[in-house]
Amino acid sequence: MQTLLLDQGSWDLTLDVNGNVAIASEPYALAQDAASAIKTFQGEMNWDTTIGVPYLSTILGKNPTLSYLKAQLVVAALTVIDIVSAVCYIASFENRQLVGQVQVTDASGQVSAMNFSTPVFVPIDPQGP
């Protein structure tokens, strides 16, 4: 599986050494696609509004537990074809931005990881509401 390579800082397309749109291959492509899935708001994709993290309905403006949030990120990562398991780690929550890493495993057992950051506008209470 291949995907368009995204610049990790801007999360935008990048060019290869020949000036063409850069392509990422497995296993990196799987981790990048999982991070993209985590950054997707549920309902954002017109062709399938069930894809994405339910940021608007259950996270933003709410007080989710850390375990709930991580579970929702894993569910999103598992929507990527060829990923059989995923683990999300939260590194920080500062300036209303959630920063972490997703580690994914494919069917052959190969593990790859990608850092992500996504806006979350409320503090996360480890104990929940």
Foldseek 3Di string as FASTA:
>chain_A
DKDFDADQVPRHFDADPVRHTHMDDPPVRLQNQLQVQAQDDQCPDPVHSRGHAPQPPDFAPFAAAPVVSQVSSFVNSVVDPQWDGKGKDWDDQPPQKTKTKMWTAGPVGDIDMDIHMYGHRDDHDNVGD
